[in-house]
Amino acid sequence: MSSATYTVSGMTCDHCRATVTKAIGALDGVTGVDIDLAGGRVTVTAADEPDDTVIAGAVDEAGYELTGRA
């Protein structure tokens, strides 16, 4: 298992949390998504090292912006 934490802008409520969790959680190999709304951080746990480009694409599809890796 491997994990990475990202900063994501635009998340402000539980609906945002659910949308981003669903988008990232649907990716192959992802085993967990933990979101800290107050800090704008998303921690992704996966079988292998999460692919930043793939994670960013899922976040973008959900309507938010991945602004960096924390």
N, C-alpha and C. Protein backbone atom coordinates (compact mmCIF):
# COMPACT_ATOMS: atom_id res chain seq x y z
N MET A 1 0.84 -1.19 0.00
CA MET A 1 0.00 0.00 0.00
C MET A 1 0.88 1.25 0.00
N SER A 2 0.39 2.24 -0.67
CA SER A 2 1.09 3.51 -0.76
C SER A 2 0.06 4.61 -0.65
N SER A 3 0.49 5.78 -0.19
CA SER A 3 -0.46 6.89 -0.10
C SER A 3 0.21 8.19 -0.50
N ALA A 4 -0.62 9.15 -0.89
CA ALA A 4 -0.16 10.48 -1.24
C ALA A 4 -1.24 11.47 -0.82
N THR A 5 -0.81 12.66 -0.42
CA THR A 5 -1.75 13.70 0.00
C THR A 5 -1.65 14.87 -0.97
N TYR A 6 -2.81 15.35 -1.38
CA TYR A 6 -2.90 16.43 -2.35
C TYR A 6 -3.69 17.59 -1.76
N THR A 7 -3.46 18.80 -2.28
CA THR A 7 -4.28 19.94 -1.93
C THR A 7 -5.26 20.17 -3.09
N VAL A 8 -6.52 20.38 -2.72
CA VAL A 8 -7.58 20.55 -3.72
C VAL A 8 -8.37 21.80 -3.35
N SER A 9 -8.59 22.66 -4.34
CA SER A 9 -9.36 23.88 -4.06
C SER A 9 -10.80 23.71 -4.49
N GLY A 10 -11.68 24.42 -3.80
CA GLY A 10 -13.09 24.43 -4.15
C GLY A 10 -13.98 23.55 -3.30
N MET A 11 -13.42 22.70 -2.47
CA MET A 11 -14.23 21.83 -1.62
C MET A 11 -14.66 22.59 -0.37
N THR A 12 -15.97 22.68 -0.15
CA THR A 12 -16.45 23.45 0.99
C THR A 12 -17.48 22.75 1.87
N CYS A 13 -18.01 21.60 1.39
CA CYS A 13 -19.11 20.98 2.14
C CYS A 13 -19.07 19.45 2.00
N ASP A 14 -20.01 18.80 2.66
CA ASP A 14 -20.07 17.34 2.59
C ASP A 14 -20.38 16.83 1.19
N HIS A 15 -21.14 17.60 0.42
CA HIS A 15 -21.41 17.21 -0.97
C HIS A 15 -20.10 17.20 -1.77
N CYS A 16 -19.28 18.21 -1.55
CA CYS A 16 -17.96 18.27 -2.21
C CYS A 16 -17.14 17.04 -1.83
N ARG A 17 -17.12 16.75 -0.54
CA ARG A 17 -16.36 15.59 -0.04
C ARG A 17 -16.84 14.31 -0.73
N ALA A 18 -18.15 14.13 -0.82
CA ALA A 18 -18.70 12.92 -1.42
C ALA A 18 -18.37 12.83 -2.91
N THR A 19 -18.45 13.96 -3.60
CA THR A 19 -18.18 13.99 -5.04
C THR A 19 -16.72 13.62 -5.33
N VAL A 20 -15.79 14.22 -4.60
CA VAL A 20 -14.37 13.94 -4.82
C VAL A 20 -14.03 12.52 -4.39
N THR A 21 -14.59 12.07 -3.28
CA THR A 21 -14.36 10.71 -2.81
C THR A 21 -14.82 9.70 -3.86
N LYS A 22 -15.99 9.93 -4.43
CA LYS A 22 -16.52 9.01 -5.44
C LYS A 22 -15.64 9.00 -6.69
N ALA A 23 -15.22 10.18 -7.14
CA ALA A 23 -14.41 10.29 -8.36
C ALA A 23 -13.06 9.59 -8.21
N ILE A 24 -12.39 9.84 -7.10
CA ILE A 24 -11.07 9.23 -6.89
C ILE A 24 -11.22 7.76 -6.53
N GLY A 25 -12.21 7.45 -5.72
CA GLY A 25 -12.42 6.06 -5.29
C GLY A 25 -12.72 5.11 -6.43
N ALA A 26 -13.22 5.63 -7.56
CA ALA A 26 -13.54 4.80 -8.72
C ALA A 26 -12.31 4.42 -9.54
N LEU A 27 -11.18 5.05 -9.25
CA LEU A 27 -9.96 4.78 -10.03
C LEU A 27 -9.39 3.40 -9.68
N ASP A 28 -8.83 2.74 -10.68
CA ASP A 28 -8.21 1.43 -10.47
C ASP A 28 -7.11 1.51 -9.42
N GLY A 29 -7.13 0.58 -8.49
CA GLY A 29 -6.08 0.47 -7.49
C GLY A 29 -6.28 1.30 -6.24
N VAL A 30 -7.22 2.26 -6.26
CA VAL A 30 -7.45 3.12 -5.09
C VAL A 30 -8.21 2.32 -4.04
N THR A 31 -7.68 2.31 -2.83
CA THR A 31 -8.30 1.56 -1.74
C THR A 31 -8.89 2.46 -0.67
N GLY A 32 -8.56 3.75 -0.70
CA GLY A 32 -9.11 4.66 0.29
C GLY A 32 -8.92 6.11 -0.08
N VAL A 33 -9.87 6.94 0.34
CA VAL A 33 -9.81 8.39 0.11
C VAL A 33 -10.23 9.05 1.41
N ASP A 34 -9.36 9.90 1.96
CA ASP A 34 -9.67 10.62 3.20
C ASP A 34 -9.57 12.11 2.90
N ILE A 35 -10.63 12.86 3.21
CA ILE A 35 -10.66 14.28 2.88
C ILE A 35 -10.78 15.13 4.14
N ASP A 36 -9.89 16.11 4.24
CA ASP A 36 -9.92 17.11 5.30
C ASP A 36 -10.41 18.41 4.65
N LEU A 37 -11.72 18.68 4.80
CA LEU A 37 -12.30 19.87 4.16
C LEU A 37 -11.64 21.16 4.64
N ALA A 38 -11.44 21.29 5.93
CA ALA A 38 -10.88 22.52 6.48
C ALA A 38 -9.50 22.83 5.91
N GLY A 39 -8.71 21.80 5.70
CA GLY A 39 -7.36 22.00 5.18
C GLY A 39 -7.26 21.87 3.67
N GLY A 40 -8.35 21.44 3.03
CA GLY A 40 -8.33 21.26 1.59
C GLY A 40 -7.39 20.15 1.15
N ARG A 41 -7.26 19.14 1.99
CA ARG A 41 -6.33 18.05 1.70
C ARG A 41 -7.08 16.75 1.42
N VAL A 42 -6.56 16.01 0.45
CA VAL A 42 -7.11 14.72 0.08
C VAL A 42 -5.99 13.70 0.14
N THR A 43 -6.16 12.69 0.98
CA THR A 43 -5.17 11.62 1.08
C THR A 43 -5.72 10.40 0.35
N VAL A 44 -4.93 9.92 -0.60
CA VAL A 44 -5.33 8.78 -1.42
C VAL A 44 -4.43 7.60 -1.07
N THR A 45 -5.05 6.47 -0.76
CA THR A 45 -4.33 5.23 -0.49
C THR A 45 -4.61 4.29 -1.66
N ALA A 46 -3.55 3.66 -2.15
CA ALA A 46 -3.70 2.79 -3.31
C ALA A 46 -2.74 1.61 -3.21
N ALA A 47 -3.01 0.61 -4.04
CA ALA A 47 -2.16 -0.58 -4.07
C ALA A 47 -0.73 -0.20 -4.46
N ASP A 48 -0.60 0.70 -5.43
CA ASP A 48 0.70 1.21 -5.87
C ASP A 48 0.72 2.71 -5.65
N GLU A 49 1.86 3.34 -5.89
CA GLU A 49 1.99 4.80 -5.75
C GLU A 49 0.92 5.48 -6.62
N PRO A 50 0.08 6.35 -6.02
CA PRO A 50 -0.94 7.03 -6.82
C PRO A 50 -0.30 7.87 -7.94
N ASP A 51 -0.91 7.83 -9.11
CA ASP A 51 -0.43 8.59 -10.27
C ASP A 51 -1.03 10.00 -10.19
N ASP A 52 -0.18 10.99 -10.00
CA ASP A 52 -0.64 12.37 -9.82
C ASP A 52 -1.51 12.85 -10.98
N THR A 53 -1.15 12.49 -12.20
CA THR A 53 -1.89 12.92 -13.37
C THR A 53 -3.30 12.32 -13.39
N VAL A 54 -3.40 11.06 -13.04
CA VAL A 54 -4.70 10.38 -13.01
C VAL A 54 -5.57 10.97 -11.90
N ILE A 55 -4.97 11.20 -10.74
CA ILE A 55 -5.71 11.79 -9.61
C ILE A 55 -6.20 13.19 -10.00
N ALA A 56 -5.33 13.99 -10.60
CA ALA A 56 -5.71 15.35 -11.02
C ALA A 56 -6.85 15.31 -12.02
N GLY A 57 -6.83 14.35 -12.93
CA GLY A 57 -7.91 14.21 -13.91
C GLY A 57 -9.24 13.90 -13.26
N ALA A 58 -9.22 13.00 -12.27
CA ALA A 58 -10.45 12.65 -11.56
C ALA A 58 -10.99 13.84 -10.78
N VAL A 59 -10.11 14.58 -10.14
CA VAL A 59 -10.52 15.76 -9.38
C VAL A 59 -11.12 16.80 -10.33
N ASP A 60 -10.48 17.00 -11.48
CA ASP A 60 -10.97 17.95 -12.48
C ASP A 60 -12.35 17.53 -13.00
N GLU A 61 -12.51 16.25 -13.29
CA GLU A 61 -13.80 15.72 -13.76
C GLU A 61 -14.90 15.98 -12.74
N ALA A 62 -14.53 15.96 -11.46
CA ALA A 62 -15.50 16.17 -10.39
C ALA A 62 -15.83 17.65 -10.22
N GLY A 63 -15.06 18.52 -10.90
CA GLY A 63 -15.35 19.95 -10.84
C GLY A 63 -14.49 20.74 -9.87
N TYR A 64 -13.39 20.16 -9.46
CA TYR A 64 -12.50 20.82 -8.51
C TYR A 64 -11.09 20.89 -9.11
N GLU A 65 -10.17 21.53 -8.39
CA GLU A 65 -8.83 21.69 -8.93
C GLU A 65 -7.78 21.17 -7.96
N LEU A 66 -6.97 20.23 -8.43
CA LEU A 66 -5.84 19.75 -7.65
C LEU A 66 -4.75 20.80 -7.79
N THR A 67 -4.34 21.41 -6.68
CA THR A 67 -3.38 22.51 -6.75
C THR A 67 -1.97 22.10 -6.38
N GLY A 68 -1.79 20.89 -5.90
CA GLY A 68 -0.44 20.45 -5.57
C GLY A 68 -0.45 19.18 -4.74
N ARG A 69 0.75 18.72 -4.49
CA ARG A 69 0.92 17.55 -3.63
C ARG A 69 1.45 18.04 -2.30
N ALA A 70 0.76 17.69 -1.25
CA ALA A 70 1.12 18.19 0.10
C ALA A 70 2.26 17.39 0.69
